[in-house]
Amino acid sequence: MAIDLTDEGINSIVAKLRLVKASEQSSFAMGGTLSIEGVGAWAVTCPEP
């Protein structure tokens, strides 16, 4: 999954969220990265509910 957030004028991308999902039988994991232009980048994890 890829989500891009733009500035108000839709001129440039200011943040990007990239997620991938893996599953095996009834278990799954999701993780990826969040990057914000001019600020930094972080790892993202989504624990199984």
Protein backbone atom coordinates (compact mmCIF):
# COMPACT_ATOMS: atom_id res chain seq x y z
CA MET A 1 0.00 0.00 0.00
CA ALA A 2 1.33 3.44 -0.87
CA ILE A 3 -0.14 6.68 0.43
CA ASP A 4 1.24 10.08 -0.58
CA LEU A 5 0.18 13.32 1.13
CA THR A 6 0.57 16.59 -0.76
CA ASP A 7 0.69 20.24 0.17
CA GLU A 8 -2.52 22.29 -0.09
CA GLY A 9 -1.83 23.27 -3.70
CA ILE A 10 -1.10 19.66 -4.68
CA ASN A 11 2.29 20.80 -5.97
CA SER A 12 4.57 18.47 -4.05
CA ILE A 13 4.47 15.35 -1.90
CA VAL A 14 5.17 16.20 1.74
CA ALA A 15 4.78 12.74 3.29
CA LYS A 16 4.91 9.15 2.08
CA LEU A 17 3.60 6.04 3.83
CA ARG A 18 4.65 2.66 2.42
CA LEU A 19 3.24 -0.54 3.94
CA VAL A 20 3.66 -4.21 3.09
CA LYS A 21 1.66 -7.15 4.46
CA ALA A 22 2.75 -10.74 4.90
CA SER A 23 0.54 -13.60 6.07
CA GLU A 24 0.81 -17.28 6.87
CA GLN A 25 -2.35 -19.23 7.68
CA SER A 26 -4.22 -17.17 10.31
CA SER A 27 -1.31 -14.85 11.25
CA PHE A 28 -0.21 -11.68 9.51
CA ALA A 29 2.26 -8.84 9.94
CA MET A 30 2.32 -5.39 8.42
CA GLY A 31 5.13 -2.86 8.41
CA GLY A 32 6.83 -0.24 6.32
CA THR A 33 8.12 3.32 6.39
CA LEU A 34 6.80 6.82 6.96
CA SER A 35 8.87 9.64 5.50
CA ILE A 36 8.15 13.34 5.92
CA GLU A 37 9.97 15.74 3.60
CA GLY A 38 12.55 17.81 5.45
CA VAL A 39 11.87 16.05 8.77
CA GLY A 40 12.94 12.39 8.57
CA ALA A 41 11.92 8.80 8.06
CA TRP A 42 10.71 6.14 10.49
CA ALA A 43 9.95 2.44 10.54
CA VAL A 44 6.26 1.62 11.02
CA THR A 45 4.87 -1.62 12.43
CA CYS A 46 1.23 -2.64 12.67
CA PRO A 47 0.77 -5.39 15.28
CA GLU A 48 -1.80 -8.12 14.80
CA PRO A 49 -5.05 -7.28 16.67
